[in-house]
């Protein structure tokens, strides 16, 4: 979209795609080895995205298209204090068999909504 400022300067304004607006969002922590990186897990029309809270942990960003997610379920806690302790985790299993873990307070809601999106 082309926009003209009051000064007469014109520029192209980028618009956000409607399918990438979060349909659900949870405070979460991504389990990475012996620690958990805090941030937000978001479900969009086409992706599951984890955005870390701090820019210093940008390497913890996670994004996967729903077409590559084979399932969502529960995984037991590790018991390690800095990685979320004994709390159950959200487990996203991808088509290649890899498993990605997230500590989420409302685990049942996250599993329900992600599983519902996978069935579409």
Protein backbone atom coordinates (compact mmCIF):
# COMPACT_ATOMS: atom_id res chain seq x y z
CA UNK A 1 0.00 0.00 0.00
CA UNK A 2 1.36 3.42 -0.93
CA UNK A 3 1.12 6.10 1.79
CA UNK A 4 1.78 9.84 1.47
CA UNK A 5 2.86 11.81 4.52
CA UNK A 6 1.81 15.42 5.16
CA UNK A 7 5.32 16.46 4.03
CA UNK A 8 4.60 14.99 0.59
CA UNK A 9 6.97 12.03 1.06
CA UNK A 10 5.53 8.76 -0.25
CA UNK A 11 6.51 5.27 0.85
CA UNK A 12 5.23 1.73 0.77
CA UNK A 13 3.63 0.57 3.99
CA UNK A 14 3.91 -3.12 4.77
CA UNK A 15 0.73 -4.76 5.98
CA UNK A 16 0.53 -7.81 8.21
CA UNK A 17 -0.92 -10.92 6.60
CA UNK A 18 -4.19 -11.82 8.31
CA UNK A 19 -3.27 -15.50 8.57
CA UNK A 20 -0.28 -14.67 10.77
CA UNK A 21 -2.24 -12.88 13.48
CA UNK A 22 -2.22 -15.02 16.63
CA UNK A 23 -5.41 -17.00 17.11
CA UNK A 24 -4.17 -18.14 20.53
CA UNK A 25 -1.23 -17.11 22.69
CA UNK A 26 0.28 -18.47 25.90
CA UNK A 27 3.10 -17.45 28.24
CA UNK A 28 5.60 -20.23 27.77
CA UNK A 29 9.20 -21.30 28.21
CA UNK A 30 11.05 -23.34 25.62
CA UNK A 31 12.96 -26.23 27.17
CA UNK A 32 16.53 -26.17 25.87
CA UNK A 33 18.84 -28.62 27.57
CA UNK A 34 19.31 -27.61 31.19
CA UNK A 35 17.34 -24.37 31.00
CA UNK A 36 14.02 -22.94 29.85
CA UNK A 37 13.90 -19.70 27.83
CA UNK A 38 10.84 -17.54 28.70
CA UNK A 39 8.64 -16.07 25.99
CA UNK A 40 5.30 -16.53 24.21
CA UNK A 41 3.98 -19.44 22.19
CA UNK A 42 1.51 -18.35 19.52
CA UNK A 43 -0.81 -20.28 17.25
CA UNK A 44 -1.61 -18.63 13.92
CA UNK A 45 -3.68 -19.89 11.02
CA UNK A 46 -0.59 -21.51 9.47
CA UNK A 47 2.18 -21.74 12.13
CA UNK A 48 3.15 -22.39 15.73
CA UNK A 49 5.64 -19.68 16.78
CA UNK A 50 7.72 -19.23 19.95
CA UNK A 51 9.09 -15.71 20.48
CA UNK A 52 11.62 -15.42 23.31
CA UNK A 53 11.12 -12.62 25.80
CA UNK A 54 14.68 -11.28 25.53
CA UNK A 55 16.63 -10.32 22.42
CA UNK A 56 19.66 -12.02 23.98
CA UNK A 57 17.96 -15.37 23.44
CA UNK A 58 17.05 -14.84 19.78
CA UNK A 59 18.49 -18.26 18.97
CA UNK A 60 15.61 -19.78 20.93
CA UNK A 61 13.01 -18.52 18.40
CA UNK A 62 10.95 -21.37 17.00
CA UNK A 63 8.52 -21.35 14.09
CA UNK A 64 7.03 -24.31 12.25
CA UNK A 65 4.25 -24.58 9.69
CA UNK A 66 1.30 -26.60 10.94
CA UNK A 67 1.64 -28.89 7.92
CA UNK A 68 4.86 -30.22 9.47
CA UNK A 69 3.40 -30.81 12.95
CA UNK A 70 2.43 -34.47 13.40
CA UNK A 71 0.96 -34.08 16.88
CA UNK A 72 0.69 -32.18 20.15
CA UNK A 73 0.64 -33.80 23.56
CA UNK A 74 2.20 -34.05 27.01
CA UNK A 75 5.75 -34.88 28.00
CA UNK A 76 6.97 -35.49 31.57
CA UNK A 77 9.15 -32.92 33.32
CA UNK A 78 12.88 -33.46 33.61
CA UNK A 79 13.13 -32.51 37.26
CA UNK A 80 15.94 -30.05 36.46
CA UNK A 81 15.23 -26.78 38.26
CA UNK A 82 16.25 -24.31 35.52
CA UNK A 83 14.44 -26.16 32.73
CA UNK A 84 10.99 -26.10 34.33
CA UNK A 85 11.34 -28.70 37.05
CA UNK A 86 8.90 -31.58 37.23
CA UNK A 87 6.09 -29.78 35.38
CA UNK A 88 4.61 -31.53 32.37
CA UNK A 89 5.43 -29.92 29.05
CA UNK A 90 3.73 -29.34 25.75
CA UNK A 91 5.34 -31.67 23.26
CA UNK A 92 5.14 -30.77 19.57
CA UNK A 93 6.15 -33.73 17.43
CA UNK A 94 7.12 -32.94 13.86
CA UNK A 95 6.82 -35.17 10.83
CA UNK A 96 10.55 -36.00 10.96
CA UNK A 97 10.13 -37.40 14.49
CA UNK A 98 11.79 -34.48 16.31
CA UNK A 99 10.19 -33.29 19.54
CA UNK A 100 10.05 -29.68 20.76
CA UNK A 101 9.16 -29.02 24.41
CA UNK A 102 7.50 -25.99 26.03
CA UNK A 103 6.54 -25.34 29.66
CA UNK A 104 3.06 -23.76 29.62
CA UNK A 105 0.78 -22.98 32.56
CA UNK A 106 -2.45 -23.72 30.62
CA UNK A 107 -1.24 -26.97 29.06
CA UNK A 108 -4.72 -28.42 28.43
CA UNK A 109 -5.84 -25.33 26.49
CA UNK A 110 -2.69 -25.30 24.35
CA UNK A 111 -2.99 -29.00 23.46
CA UNK A 112 -6.70 -28.63 22.67
CA UNK A 113 -6.28 -25.60 20.39
CA UNK A 114 -3.20 -26.85 18.55
CA UNK A 115 -4.73 -30.30 18.03
CA UNK A 116 -7.94 -28.69 16.69
CA UNK A 117 -5.89 -26.67 14.15
CA UNK A 118 -4.09 -29.83 13.02
CA UNK A 119 -7.38 -31.51 12.17
CA UNK A 120 -8.35 -28.80 9.67
